[in-house]
Amino acid sequence: MSRFLPGSRWRPRVSRDSLRADLAAGAIGAIVVLPQGIAFATLAGLPPQFGLYAAMLPAVVAALWGSSWHLVSGPTIAISLVVFATMAQIALPGSDQYLTLVLTLSFIVGAVQLAMGLAGLGVLVNFISHTVVVGFTAGAAMLIFAAQIHNFFGVPIPAGASFPQSLYALFTGLHRIEPPTVLIGVATLGAGMAARRWLPRLPYMIVAMVAGGVLGYALNRWLGQDHTGIRTLGALPAALPALSMPQLSLETLRSLTGAAIAVSVLGLVEAVSIARSIAIRSGQRIDSNQEFIGQGLSNLAGSFFSAYPSSGSFNRSGANFEAGAQTPLAAVFSAGALVLIVLAVAPLAAFVPMASMAAILFLVAWGLIDFHHIATIVRASRAESAVLAATFIATLVMHLEFAVLLGIALSLILYLQRTSRPALRSIVPDPQSPQRRFRERRPGDAECPQLRFLRIEGSLYFGAVDHVGDYLQRIGEQRPELKHLLVLSKGMNFVDVAGAELLAREAAGRRTRGGGLYFHGLRESASRMLTGPAFAARFGPDAVFATKGEAIAALFGRLDRGICAGCRARIFTECRSLPPAT
């Protein structure tokens, strides 16, 4: 029941002081989302007011039914881009059919997210690597640049043009650039960058929007709009979101399935990632499944109140935390303040040039490119760099829903590739340590010719069986005298049936050669499998040791004394009892 009444977790934090802090943070959040909502809705191919609607009821529901104290949901740039890229293939952006399909998409996305949360699939977010997210967002940034070329330069771009097609249209249409439009765009860019640097306490988007609007108004008054050709956003309706009804026909569901899955996963990754990053600073524990439920319910509710798919917003959530928000009520107050602002200032949107909105989106897109992490990934790993490049290129040349799914597939492939090759390290007593502590064997280190210590770091499951099996086979072929093998198992987190079968066969093979396979430090999960009724008899009652000292003492007695007589390694303390090597 707590899944649907999560407020009990944070209600004790509510006080007079927290309410004051949440009210202040909510007011700041409403101001921040005003230009964002307009810009993101424009990017999604929707009337600008729909971006504000997505920050009203969905933000309230996500806050009250999520687990984070500071996450603020609403329109996001990545989801806006995916919505446009997928929906523009089905209907004309801005048309009634387009609006209906987008609202239906909100419903389906909400249903998918809610089902995933109730099924306990929040853990799946952990399998989407940060590298994939970095590559996708960088690609999304380039798509934003391409999508806003016509608004910034005044150059016509064919509807639904791909990234390369948009660039080609720009270069072939340079002679059609509209100087007043470009001037407004450049001025907006300059104002936004200046505000970010010298006025960090002010929302740079609002500063940029005001600067562009004032310049556009001045140019139109001076030269006349017929001469300037400056296109404006148009006045927003000063009204609350209208009731809407998703279209749930079989044909519609079939056409929206791919987009819904992509948006659902992307939205959940955004929300949980943002919630976790802020939770690290606030000291809060995040429940991924509860966040899935909160996001699902918010999109379900939003679909009936003219809201397109929403998710956690990094900018708004960060501003919410920095403003001193104490509870999810800050997001509720933010939505209420936004309603009041919309009713008061909606007509002023008529003075905002489209070039200004394009410039604001350019600034947002530039901020999406994580240059620091890109450089780190390129320096650190070729495999990660390949995944980064593949995700980036796929975002530019494929349909975005497929690019998102490809990124997820690459994350899983990378995870499986890593887990399928657990580290296998030969361990020996350190001759420099008085306590004879064990360390990884180095070239030139002495090793017992009959007994090897092998440390397995990682899970031994069906995907890793070939890798470990090949290693064990090489040992048997190259060092047949190593009849005894002690597996140091503290790093072996999990063993499935395939892994247990491999170890059982290895134990049987060594017994036929007069040796054996033994374990030390078995974790509980691995111990249940290897010492359970299915496999205990195949290893024998004396295969598991509590300590390395106990294991060495027992196994020393099983070594071939003929080989010991000629051995000069003598790496064990017990070897001192042997006669000098001949």
Protein backbone atom coordinates (compact mmCIF):
# COMPACT_ATOMS: atom_id res chain seq x y z
CA MET A 1 0.00 0.00 0.00
CA SER A 2 2.96 2.31 0.65
CA ARG A 3 3.63 2.21 -3.11
CA PHE A 4 0.53 4.35 -3.66
CA LEU A 5 0.85 6.41 -0.45
CA PRO A 6 4.56 7.30 -0.39
CA GLY A 7 3.90 10.65 1.31
CA SER A 8 4.13 8.95 4.69
CA ARG A 9 7.89 8.80 4.16
CA TRP A 10 8.39 12.56 3.98
CA ARG A 11 5.33 13.93 5.80
CA PRO A 12 7.22 14.12 9.16
CA ARG A 13 9.62 16.58 7.50
CA VAL A 14 6.81 19.11 6.92
CA SER A 15 6.93 22.10 9.27
CA ARG A 16 6.37 25.82 9.17
CA ASP A 17 10.02 26.35 8.20
CA SER A 18 9.92 23.68 5.50
CA LEU A 19 6.75 25.17 4.04
CA ARG A 20 8.42 28.59 3.76
CA ALA A 21 11.45 27.03 2.08
CA ASP A 22 9.27 24.99 -0.29
CA LEU A 23 7.21 28.07 -1.24
CA ALA A 24 10.34 30.03 -2.12
CA ALA A 25 11.79 27.11 -4.10
CA GLY A 26 8.47 26.60 -5.87
CA ALA A 27 8.36 30.22 -7.03
CA ILE A 28 11.86 29.94 -8.45
CA GLY A 29 10.95 26.68 -10.17
CA ALA A 30 7.94 28.26 -11.85
CA ILE A 31 10.09 31.05 -13.24
CA VAL A 32 12.71 28.59 -14.49
CA VAL A 33 10.20 26.38 -16.31
CA LEU A 34 8.43 29.22 -18.12
CA PRO A 35 10.96 29.64 -20.95
CA GLN A 36 11.91 25.96 -20.84
CA GLY A 37 8.36 24.74 -21.29
CA ILE A 38 7.77 27.06 -24.23
CA ALA A 39 11.07 26.13 -25.88
CA PHE A 40 10.72 22.39 -25.36
CA ALA A 41 7.15 22.29 -26.63
CA THR A 42 8.29 24.12 -29.75
CA LEU A 43 11.01 21.51 -30.17
CA ALA A 44 8.40 18.74 -29.82
CA GLY A 45 6.30 20.24 -32.63
CA LEU A 46 3.54 21.32 -30.24
CA PRO A 47 1.92 24.66 -29.46
CA PRO A 48 4.07 26.36 -26.80
CA GLN A 49 1.44 26.22 -24.05
CA PHE A 50 1.61 22.42 -24.04
CA GLY A 51 5.11 22.63 -22.58
CA LEU A 52 3.69 24.57 -19.65
CA TYR A 53 0.80 22.14 -19.24
CA ALA A 54 3.35 19.32 -18.92
CA ALA A 55 4.84 21.16 -15.94
CA MET A 56 1.56 21.47 -14.05
CA LEU A 57 -0.41 18.36 -13.08
CA PRO A 58 2.31 15.83 -14.08
CA ALA A 59 4.82 17.62 -11.84
CA VAL A 60 2.41 17.42 -8.89
CA VAL A 61 1.65 13.71 -9.36
CA ALA A 62 5.31 12.76 -9.91
CA ALA A 63 6.34 14.63 -6.77
CA LEU A 64 3.64 13.15 -4.54
CA TRP A 65 4.03 9.56 -5.75
CA GLY A 66 7.78 9.47 -6.33
CA SER A 67 10.47 8.81 -3.74
CA SER A 68 12.71 11.86 -4.24
CA TRP A 69 12.29 14.97 -2.11
CA HIS A 70 13.77 17.24 -4.76
CA LEU A 71 13.03 15.76 -8.21
CA VAL A 72 10.83 18.06 -10.31
CA SER A 73 9.18 16.60 -13.39
CA GLY A 74 7.99 18.32 -16.52
CA PRO A 75 8.99 18.78 -20.15
CA THR A 76 12.57 17.76 -20.99
CA ILE A 77 14.61 18.39 -24.08
CA ALA A 78 15.50 14.75 -24.77
CA ILE A 79 11.89 13.54 -24.59
CA SER A 80 10.71 16.54 -26.63
CA LEU A 81 13.18 15.61 -29.33
CA VAL A 82 12.13 11.95 -29.35
CA VAL A 83 8.45 12.92 -29.42
CA PHE A 84 8.98 15.12 -32.47
CA ALA A 85 11.19 12.62 -34.27
CA THR A 86 8.73 9.76 -33.80
CA MET A 87 5.41 11.56 -34.10
CA ALA A 88 6.37 13.62 -37.17
CA GLN A 89 6.55 10.35 -39.12
CA ILE A 90 2.90 9.66 -38.37
CA ALA A 91 1.17 13.05 -38.43
CA LEU A 92 1.81 16.68 -39.35
CA PRO A 93 3.30 18.56 -36.37
CA GLY A 94 0.82 21.00 -34.88
CA SER A 95 -2.21 19.34 -36.47
CA ASP A 96 -5.16 18.06 -34.45
CA GLN A 97 -4.18 14.48 -35.28
CA TYR A 98 -0.64 15.16 -34.08
CA LEU A 99 -1.89 16.54 -30.75
CA THR A 100 -4.20 13.57 -30.23
CA LEU A 101 -1.43 11.08 -30.95
CA VAL A 102 1.02 12.84 -28.63
CA LEU A 103 -1.50 12.81 -25.77
CA THR A 104 -2.19 9.15 -26.48
CA LEU A 105 1.55 8.58 -26.34
CA SER A 106 1.55 10.14 -22.85
CA PHE A 107 -1.07 7.61 -21.74
CA ILE A 108 0.82 4.61 -23.15
CA VAL A 109 4.12 5.82 -21.73
CA GLY A 110 2.51 6.25 -18.32
CA ALA A 111 1.00 2.76 -18.46
CA VAL A 112 4.35 1.19 -19.43
CA GLN A 113 6.24 3.05 -16.69
CA LEU A 114 3.64 2.19 -14.05
CA ALA A 115 3.71 -1.48 -15.04
CA MET A 116 7.51 -1.53 -14.84
CA GLY A 117 7.44 0.05 -11.40
CA LEU A 118 4.84 -2.37 -10.06
CA ALA A 119 6.85 -5.27 -11.50
CA GLY A 120 9.95 -4.13 -9.59
CA LEU A 121 11.99 -3.39 -12.73
CA GLY A 122 13.65 -0.26 -11.34
CA VAL A 123 16.91 -2.17 -11.21
CA LEU A 124 17.02 -2.19 -15.02
CA VAL A 125 18.12 1.45 -15.00
CA ASN A 126 21.44 0.26 -13.56
CA PHE A 127 22.19 -1.59 -16.78
CA ILE A 128 22.12 1.50 -18.99
CA SER A 129 25.66 2.77 -18.93
CA HIS A 130 26.57 6.39 -18.43
CA THR A 131 28.54 6.20 -21.67
CA VAL A 132 25.37 5.52 -23.64
CA VAL A 133 23.56 8.41 -21.96
CA VAL A 134 26.49 10.76 -22.74
CA GLY A 135 26.55 9.64 -26.39
CA PHE A 136 22.79 9.98 -26.81
CA THR A 137 22.61 13.44 -25.24
CA ALA A 138 25.49 14.67 -27.39
CA GLY A 139 23.72 13.37 -30.48
CA ALA A 140 20.45 14.91 -29.29
CA ALA A 141 22.23 18.25 -28.93
CA MET A 142 23.31 18.12 -32.57
CA LEU A 143 19.75 17.28 -33.63
CA ILE A 144 18.49 20.29 -31.70
CA PHE A 145 20.93 22.51 -33.59
CA ALA A 146 19.70 21.05 -36.88
CA ALA A 147 16.02 21.34 -35.93
CA GLN A 148 16.32 25.04 -35.13
CA ILE A 149 18.38 26.13 -38.15
CA HIS A 150 15.33 27.47 -39.97
CA ASN A 151 14.23 29.54 -36.98
CA PHE A 152 17.69 30.96 -36.26
CA PHE A 153 18.76 31.76 -39.84
CA GLY A 154 15.41 32.06 -41.61
CA VAL A 155 16.54 29.41 -44.13
CA PRO A 156 13.73 27.03 -45.13
CA ILE A 157 14.34 23.41 -44.12
CA PRO A 158 12.16 20.58 -45.48
CA ALA A 159 9.81 19.12 -42.87
CA GLY A 160 11.16 15.94 -41.33
CA ALA A 161 14.67 16.54 -42.71
CA SER A 162 17.45 14.40 -41.26
CA PHE A 163 20.59 15.86 -39.69
CA PRO A 164 22.66 15.70 -42.91
CA GLN A 165 19.74 17.05 -44.95
CA SER A 166 19.34 20.01 -42.57
CA LEU A 167 23.02 20.88 -42.85
CA TYR A 168 22.87 20.58 -46.65
CA ALA A 169 19.82 22.85 -46.77
CA LEU A 170 21.65 25.44 -44.67
CA PHE A 171 24.76 25.50 -46.87
CA THR A 172 22.81 25.57 -50.12
CA GLY A 173 20.46 28.25 -48.79
CA LEU A 174 23.00 30.71 -47.35
CA HIS A 175 21.84 33.34 -49.84
CA ARG A 176 18.36 33.19 -48.25
CA ILE A 177 19.50 34.06 -44.73
CA GLU A 178 17.37 36.78 -43.13
CA PRO A 179 19.66 39.36 -41.42
CA PRO A 180 17.05 40.66 -38.90
CA THR A 181 16.27 37.10 -37.82
CA VAL A 182 19.96 36.24 -37.41
CA LEU A 183 20.58 39.50 -35.53
CA ILE A 184 17.88 38.63 -33.00
CA GLY A 185 19.23 35.11 -32.64
CA VAL A 186 22.80 36.31 -32.07
CA ALA A 187 21.63 38.97 -29.60
CA THR A 188 19.66 36.36 -27.67
CA LEU A 189 22.69 34.06 -27.59
CA GLY A 190 24.88 36.88 -26.34
CA ALA A 191 22.41 37.91 -23.65
CA GLY A 192 22.00 34.31 -22.50
CA MET A 193 25.74 33.65 -22.29
CA ALA A 194 26.35 36.96 -20.51
CA ALA A 195 23.59 36.20 -17.97
CA ARG A 196 25.02 32.73 -17.28
CA ARG A 197 28.45 34.21 -16.62
CA TRP A 198 27.77 37.48 -14.83
CA LEU A 199 24.22 37.05 -13.49
CA PRO A 200 24.17 33.43 -12.29
CA ARG A 201 21.32 34.09 -9.83
CA LEU A 202 18.95 35.10 -12.63
CA PRO A 203 17.36 32.52 -14.97
CA TYR A 204 19.46 33.01 -18.07
CA MET A 205 16.65 31.82 -20.35
CA ILE A 206 14.34 34.59 -19.19
CA VAL A 207 17.09 37.20 -19.60
CA ALA A 208 17.77 35.93 -23.12
CA MET A 209 14.07 35.78 -24.01
CA VAL A 210 13.46 39.33 -22.80
CA ALA A 211 16.50 40.62 -24.71
CA GLY A 212 15.38 38.94 -27.93
CA GLY A 213 11.79 40.12 -27.49
CA VAL A 214 12.82 43.74 -26.89
CA LEU A 215 15.13 43.74 -29.92
CA GLY A 216 12.49 42.13 -32.14
CA TYR A 217 9.88 44.67 -31.03
CA ALA A 218 12.30 47.55 -31.70
CA LEU A 219 13.20 46.29 -35.18
CA ASN A 220 9.56 45.82 -36.11
CA ARG A 221 8.72 49.34 -34.91
CA TRP A 222 11.70 50.80 -36.78
CA LEU A 223 11.59 48.90 -40.07
CA GLY A 224 8.13 47.37 -40.05
CA GLN A 225 7.35 43.67 -39.72
CA ASP A 226 6.72 43.33 -43.45
CA HIS A 227 10.34 44.34 -44.06
CA THR A 228 11.97 42.45 -41.20
CA GLY A 229 10.04 39.22 -41.64
CA ILE A 230 10.46 38.45 -37.94
CA ARG A 231 8.21 35.57 -36.92
CA THR A 232 7.00 35.54 -33.31
CA LEU A 233 5.78 32.83 -30.99
CA GLY A 234 2.26 34.23 -30.74
CA ALA A 235 0.17 34.89 -27.68
CA LEU A 236 -0.40 31.94 -25.35
CA PRO A 237 -3.92 31.17 -24.20
CA ALA A 238 -4.35 32.48 -20.66
CA ALA A 239 -6.21 29.37 -19.59
CA LEU A 240 -5.79 26.16 -17.69
CA PRO A 241 -5.11 22.95 -19.64
CA ALA A 242 -8.20 21.58 -21.36
CA LEU A 243 -9.45 18.08 -20.70
CA SER A 244 -8.25 15.58 -23.30
CA MET A 245 -8.95 11.96 -24.16
CA PRO A 246 -6.34 9.51 -25.47
CA GLN A 247 -7.24 7.61 -28.65
CA LEU A 248 -6.74 3.96 -27.74
CA SER A 249 -7.64 2.21 -30.97
CA LEU A 250 -5.72 -0.92 -31.96
CA GLU A 251 -4.20 0.84 -34.96
CA THR A 252 -3.02 3.76 -32.84
CA LEU A 253 -1.52 1.49 -30.20
CA ARG A 254 0.32 -0.46 -32.88
CA SER A 255 1.78 2.69 -34.47
CA LEU A 256 2.91 4.16 -31.14
CA THR A 257 4.42 1.07 -29.52
CA GLY A 258 8.02 1.68 -30.59
CA ALA A 259 7.94 5.34 -29.65
CA ALA A 260 6.24 4.57 -26.31
CA ILE A 261 8.92 2.08 -25.28
CA ALA A 262 11.72 4.47 -26.23
CA VAL A 263 10.15 7.44 -24.43
CA SER A 264 9.29 5.29 -21.38
CA VAL A 265 12.82 4.02 -20.93
CA LEU A 266 14.43 7.38 -21.70
CA GLY A 267 12.11 9.15 -19.27
CA LEU A 268 12.82 6.65 -16.50
CA VAL A 269 16.57 6.85 -17.04
CA GLU A 270 16.39 10.64 -16.87
CA ALA A 271 14.23 10.71 -13.76
CA VAL A 272 16.11 8.09 -11.75
CA SER A 273 19.54 9.40 -12.75
CA ILE A 274 18.65 12.94 -11.72
CA ALA A 275 17.00 11.78 -8.49
CA ARG A 276 20.08 9.73 -7.57
CA SER A 277 22.54 12.51 -8.37
CA ILE A 278 20.68 14.95 -6.12
CA ALA A 279 20.15 12.30 -3.44
CA ILE A 280 23.93 11.95 -3.13
CA ARG A 281 24.09 15.61 -2.13
CA SER A 282 21.01 15.53 0.11
CA GLY A 283 21.78 12.22 1.79
CA GLN A 284 18.48 10.68 0.72
CA ARG A 285 17.89 7.10 -0.38
CA ILE A 286 16.05 6.74 -3.69
CA ASP A 287 13.62 3.91 -4.47
CA SER A 288 13.87 3.33 -8.24
CA ASN A 289 10.65 1.34 -8.39
CA GLN A 290 8.76 4.13 -6.61
CA GLU A 291 10.16 6.64 -9.09
CA PHE A 292 8.91 4.43 -11.91
CA ILE A 293 5.44 4.45 -10.32
CA GLY A 294 5.51 8.22 -9.80
CA GLN A 295 6.56 8.89 -13.39
CA GLY A 296 3.97 6.44 -14.71
CA LEU A 297 1.11 7.98 -12.76
CA SER A 298 2.19 11.49 -13.76
CA ASN A 299 2.11 10.67 -17.47
CA LEU A 300 -1.19 8.81 -17.14
CA ALA A 301 -2.76 11.81 -15.40
CA GLY A 302 -1.16 14.27 -17.80
CA SER A 303 -2.65 12.53 -20.83
CA PHE A 304 -6.11 13.66 -19.67
CA PHE A 305 -4.98 17.28 -19.11
CA SER A 306 -3.24 18.19 -22.38
CA ALA A 307 0.26 17.22 -21.21
CA TYR A 308 2.75 15.51 -23.49
CA PRO A 309 5.23 12.97 -21.98
CA SER A 310 7.28 14.35 -19.12
CA SER A 311 10.18 13.25 -16.95
CA GLY A 312 12.58 14.55 -14.36
CA SER A 313 14.16 17.86 -15.29
CA PHE A 314 17.80 18.32 -14.33
CA ASN A 315 17.70 22.12 -14.45
CA ARG A 316 14.50 22.44 -12.43
CA SER A 317 15.48 19.73 -9.95
CA GLY A 318 18.91 21.28 -9.44
CA ALA A 319 17.40 24.73 -8.98
CA ASN A 320 14.83 23.26 -6.59
CA PHE A 321 17.54 21.73 -4.41
CA GLU A 322 19.77 24.81 -4.50
CA ALA A 323 16.79 27.00 -3.57
CA GLY A 324 16.44 25.08 -0.31
CA ALA A 325 13.43 22.81 -1.00
CA GLN A 326 12.75 20.44 1.89
CA THR A 327 9.91 18.22 0.65
CA PRO A 328 8.07 17.31 -2.57
CA LEU A 329 5.60 20.08 -1.74
CA ALA A 330 8.05 22.46 -3.46
CA ALA A 331 7.12 20.88 -6.80
CA VAL A 332 3.43 21.25 -5.92
CA PHE A 333 3.91 24.94 -5.12
CA SER A 334 5.90 25.36 -8.34
CA ALA A 335 3.02 24.00 -10.40
CA GLY A 336 0.57 26.32 -8.62
CA ALA A 337 2.82 29.33 -9.18
CA LEU A 338 3.17 28.41 -12.85
CA VAL A 339 -0.62 28.45 -13.24
CA LEU A 340 -0.72 32.00 -11.87
CA ILE A 341 2.15 33.11 -14.11
CA VAL A 342 0.51 31.64 -17.21
CA LEU A 343 -2.74 33.44 -16.47
CA ALA A 344 -0.88 36.72 -15.97
CA VAL A 345 1.80 36.85 -18.68
CA ALA A 346 0.53 34.55 -21.46
CA PRO A 347 -0.26 37.44 -23.86
CA LEU A 348 3.35 38.67 -23.68
CA ALA A 349 4.49 35.59 -25.61
CA ALA A 350 3.25 37.35 -28.73
CA PHE A 351 6.41 39.49 -28.64
CA VAL A 352 8.92 36.61 -28.42
CA PRO A 353 10.63 35.98 -31.80
CA MET A 354 11.08 32.42 -32.99
CA ALA A 355 14.77 33.24 -33.50
CA SER A 356 15.03 33.89 -29.75
CA MET A 357 13.53 30.50 -28.98
CA ALA A 358 16.01 28.91 -31.39
CA ALA A 359 18.90 30.68 -29.68
CA ILE A 360 17.70 29.52 -26.25
CA LEU A 361 17.54 25.96 -27.54
CA PHE A 362 21.08 26.36 -28.93
CA LEU A 363 22.24 27.28 -25.43
CA VAL A 364 20.42 24.32 -23.95
CA ALA A 365 21.84 21.98 -26.58
CA TRP A 366 25.39 23.19 -25.94
CA GLY A 367 24.90 22.46 -22.26
CA LEU A 368 23.83 18.91 -23.09
CA ILE A 369 27.26 18.02 -24.52
CA ASP A 370 29.30 16.65 -21.62
CA PHE A 371 32.77 17.45 -22.95
CA HIS A 372 34.48 16.44 -19.70
CA HIS A 373 33.06 12.93 -19.63
CA ILE A 374 33.52 12.49 -23.37
CA ALA A 375 37.24 13.28 -22.99
CA THR A 376 37.48 10.95 -19.98
CA ILE A 377 35.80 8.07 -21.84
CA VAL A 378 38.03 8.52 -24.90
CA ARG A 379 41.18 8.48 -22.76
CA ALA A 380 40.08 5.62 -20.51
CA SER A 381 38.67 2.86 -22.72
CA ARG A 382 38.55 1.93 -26.40
CA ALA A 383 35.47 -0.24 -25.84
CA GLU A 384 33.59 2.57 -24.08
CA SER A 385 34.71 5.00 -26.78
CA ALA A 386 33.28 2.70 -29.44
CA VAL A 387 29.96 2.52 -27.59
CA LEU A 388 29.97 6.32 -27.23
CA ALA A 389 30.64 6.83 -30.94
CA ALA A 390 28.07 4.24 -32.01
CA THR A 391 25.35 5.77 -29.84
CA PHE A 392 26.21 9.29 -31.03
CA ILE A 393 26.14 8.34 -34.72
CA ALA A 394 22.97 6.26 -34.31
CA THR A 395 21.23 9.26 -32.76
CA LEU A 396 22.11 11.34 -35.81
CA VAL A 397 21.23 8.87 -38.56
CA MET A 398 18.52 6.59 -37.12
CA HIS A 399 15.01 7.16 -35.88
CA LEU A 400 15.44 8.28 -32.29
CA GLU A 401 13.37 5.50 -30.79
CA PHE A 402 15.73 2.99 -32.40
CA ALA A 403 18.76 4.99 -31.30
CA VAL A 404 17.52 4.83 -27.69
CA LEU A 405 16.89 1.10 -27.93
CA LEU A 406 20.29 0.59 -29.59
CA GLY A 407 21.92 2.44 -26.70
CA ILE A 408 20.17 0.14 -24.24
CA ALA A 409 21.29 -2.91 -26.24
CA LEU A 410 24.88 -1.65 -26.29
CA SER A 411 24.74 -1.11 -22.53
CA LEU A 412 23.61 -4.69 -21.99
CA ILE A 413 26.20 -6.04 -24.43
CA LEU A 414 28.95 -4.11 -22.66
CA TYR A 415 27.75 -5.38 -19.28
CA LEU A 416 27.57 -8.97 -20.47
CA GLN A 417 30.98 -8.71 -22.12
CA ARG A 418 32.51 -7.56 -18.87
CA THR A 419 30.73 -10.03 -16.62
CA SER A 420 31.43 -12.91 -18.98
CA ARG A 421 35.17 -12.54 -18.34
CA PRO A 422 35.68 -12.60 -14.57
CA ALA A 423 39.22 -11.86 -13.47
CA LEU A 424 41.23 -15.04 -12.78
CA ARG A 425 44.32 -14.38 -10.68
CA SER A 426 46.96 -16.80 -9.48
CA ILE A 427 47.76 -16.06 -5.81
CA VAL A 428 50.95 -16.86 -3.86
CA PRO A 429 52.28 -16.03 -0.37
CA ASP A 430 54.25 -12.78 -0.39
CA PRO A 431 57.86 -13.66 0.53
CA GLN A 432 58.45 -10.06 1.68
CA SER A 433 55.63 -10.20 4.23
CA PRO A 434 56.48 -11.57 7.69
CA GLN A 435 52.90 -12.85 7.98
CA ARG A 436 53.22 -14.41 4.52
CA ARG A 437 50.16 -12.53 3.26
CA PHE A 438 48.90 -13.57 -0.15
CA ARG A 439 49.19 -11.43 -3.27
CA GLU A 440 48.82 -11.85 -7.02
CA ARG A 441 51.62 -13.92 -8.51
CA ARG A 442 54.20 -11.90 -10.45
CA PRO A 443 56.74 -13.09 -13.05
CA GLY A 444 59.58 -14.81 -11.22
CA ASP A 445 57.56 -15.59 -8.09
CA ALA A 446 57.92 -19.11 -6.79
CA GLU A 447 54.83 -21.32 -6.88
CA CYS A 448 54.04 -24.70 -5.42
CA PRO A 449 54.35 -27.23 -8.28
CA GLN A 450 51.36 -29.24 -6.99
CA LEU A 451 48.93 -26.67 -5.58
CA ARG A 452 47.65 -23.46 -7.16
CA PHE A 453 45.62 -20.74 -5.49
CA LEU A 454 43.14 -19.19 -7.92
CA ARG A 455 41.11 -16.09 -7.09
CA ILE A 456 37.92 -15.65 -9.14
CA GLU A 457 36.60 -12.08 -9.17
CA GLY A 458 33.12 -12.02 -10.61
CA SER A 459 30.07 -14.22 -10.98
CA LEU A 460 30.41 -17.69 -12.44
CA TYR A 461 27.28 -17.96 -14.59
CA PHE A 462 26.46 -19.42 -17.98
CA GLY A 463 27.97 -16.44 -19.81
CA ALA A 464 31.33 -16.82 -18.02
CA VAL A 465 31.62 -20.62 -18.21
CA ASP A 466 33.60 -20.66 -21.48
CA HIS A 467 36.11 -18.07 -20.24
CA VAL A 468 36.77 -19.88 -16.94
CA GLY A 469 36.66 -23.30 -18.62
CA ASP A 470 39.32 -22.26 -21.16
CA TYR A 471 41.56 -21.06 -18.33
CA LEU A 472 41.19 -24.31 -16.39
CA GLN A 473 41.88 -26.33 -19.53
CA ARG A 474 45.07 -24.37 -20.22
CA ILE A 475 46.27 -25.04 -16.68
CA GLY A 476 45.64 -28.76 -17.11
CA GLU A 477 47.48 -28.88 -20.43
CA GLN A 478 50.42 -26.65 -19.52
CA ARG A 479 50.90 -27.73 -15.89
CA PRO A 480 49.57 -31.28 -15.49
CA GLU A 481 51.52 -31.61 -12.23
CA LEU A 482 49.25 -28.95 -10.66
CA LYS A 483 46.80 -31.55 -9.46
CA HIS A 484 45.33 -29.50 -6.60
CA LEU A 485 43.44 -26.22 -7.08
CA LEU A 486 42.18 -24.03 -4.23
CA VAL A 487 39.62 -21.45 -5.40
CA LEU A 488 39.61 -18.26 -3.30
CA SER A 489 35.95 -17.41 -3.64
CA LYS A 490 35.33 -14.18 -1.73
CA GLY A 491 35.03 -12.27 -5.01
CA MET A 492 32.74 -14.87 -6.60
CA ASN A 493 29.35 -13.30 -6.02
CA PHE A 494 27.12 -15.81 -7.73
CA VAL A 495 27.27 -19.32 -9.20
CA ASP A 496 24.49 -20.68 -11.40
CA VAL A 497 23.89 -24.28 -12.48
CA ALA A 498 26.15 -23.98 -15.53
CA GLY A 499 28.97 -22.63 -13.36
CA ALA A 500 28.49 -25.34 -10.77
CA GLU A 501 28.55 -28.01 -13.50
CA LEU A 502 31.85 -26.63 -14.78
CA LEU A 503 33.43 -26.74 -11.32
CA ALA A 504 32.04 -30.23 -10.66
CA ARG A 505 33.60 -31.54 -13.89
CA GLU A 506 36.90 -29.89 -12.99
CA ALA A 507 36.79 -31.49 -9.53
CA ALA A 508 36.09 -34.94 -11.04
CA GLY A 509 38.94 -34.56 -13.54
CA ARG A 510 41.41 -33.60 -10.84
CA ARG A 511 40.36 -36.51 -8.63
CA THR A 512 41.14 -38.94 -11.46
CA ARG A 513 44.66 -37.47 -11.54
CA GLY A 514 45.07 -37.83 -7.80
CA GLY A 515 44.26 -34.23 -6.89
CA GLY A 516 41.18 -32.18 -6.13
CA LEU A 517 39.30 -28.90 -6.33
CA TYR A 518 38.69 -26.95 -3.12
CA PHE A 519 37.10 -23.69 -2.00
CA HIS A 520 37.82 -20.99 0.56
CA GLY A 521 35.67 -17.97 1.42
CA LEU A 522 32.47 -19.05 -0.33
CA ARG A 523 29.77 -16.39 -0.21
CA GLU A 524 26.36 -17.46 0.95
CA SER A 525 24.78 -17.42 -2.53
CA ALA A 526 27.62 -19.45 -4.04
CA SER A 527 27.71 -21.80 -1.04
CA ARG A 528 23.99 -22.60 -1.39
CA MET A 529 24.60 -23.80 -4.93
CA LEU A 530 27.90 -25.68 -4.46
CA THR A 531 27.14 -27.29 -1.11
CA GLY A 532 23.42 -27.81 -1.74
CA PRO A 533 21.80 -31.18 -2.43
CA ALA A 534 22.42 -31.04 -6.19
CA PHE A 535 26.23 -30.67 -6.06
CA ALA A 536 27.52 -31.37 -2.52
CA ALA A 537 28.27 -35.04 -3.28
CA ARG A 538 30.19 -34.15 -6.46
CA PHE A 539 32.68 -32.02 -4.53
CA GLY A 540 32.92 -34.12 -1.39
CA PRO A 541 32.61 -33.22 2.30
CA ASP A 542 36.17 -31.91 2.60
CA ALA A 543 36.13 -29.45 -0.33
CA VAL A 544 35.34 -26.24 1.60
CA PHE A 545 37.72 -24.60 4.08
CA ALA A 546 37.02 -21.74 6.48
CA THR A 547 40.52 -20.16 6.32
CA LYS A 548 43.54 -20.26 4.01
CA GLY A 549 45.66 -21.55 6.90
CA GLU A 550 43.28 -24.45 7.47
CA ALA A 551 43.25 -25.19 3.73
CA ILE A 552 47.05 -25.19 3.43
CA ALA A 553 47.47 -27.40 6.48
CA ALA A 554 44.98 -29.94 5.12
CA LEU A 555 46.19 -29.89 1.50
CA PHE A 556 49.86 -30.02 2.46
CA GLY A 557 49.22 -33.50 3.76
CA ARG A 558 47.84 -34.56 0.35
CA LEU A 559 50.86 -33.44 -1.69
CA ASP A 560 53.15 -35.98 -3.35
CA ARG A 561 56.24 -36.17 -1.10
CA GLY A 562 58.32 -37.38 -4.00
CA ILE A 563 57.74 -34.08 -5.79
CA CYS A 564 58.16 -32.15 -2.54
CA ALA A 565 61.61 -33.72 -2.05
CA GLY A 566 62.96 -32.05 -5.18
CA CYS A 567 61.00 -28.78 -4.81
CA ARG A 568 62.98 -25.61 -4.11
CA ALA A 569 59.98 -23.23 -3.95
CA ARG A 570 59.03 -24.11 -0.39
CA ILE A 571 56.53 -21.24 -0.19
CA PHE A 572 54.46 -22.58 2.71
CA THR A 573 55.39 -22.46 6.38
CA GLU A 574 54.63 -26.20 6.49
CA CYS A 575 57.43 -26.79 3.98
CA ARG A 576 60.00 -26.17 6.73
CA SER A 577 59.22 -29.62 8.11
CA LEU A 578 60.52 -31.24 4.91
CA PRO A 579 64.10 -32.45 4.44
CA PRO A 580 66.35 -30.16 2.35
CA ALA A 581 65.62 -30.33 -1.37
CA THR A 582 67.75 -32.82 -3.27
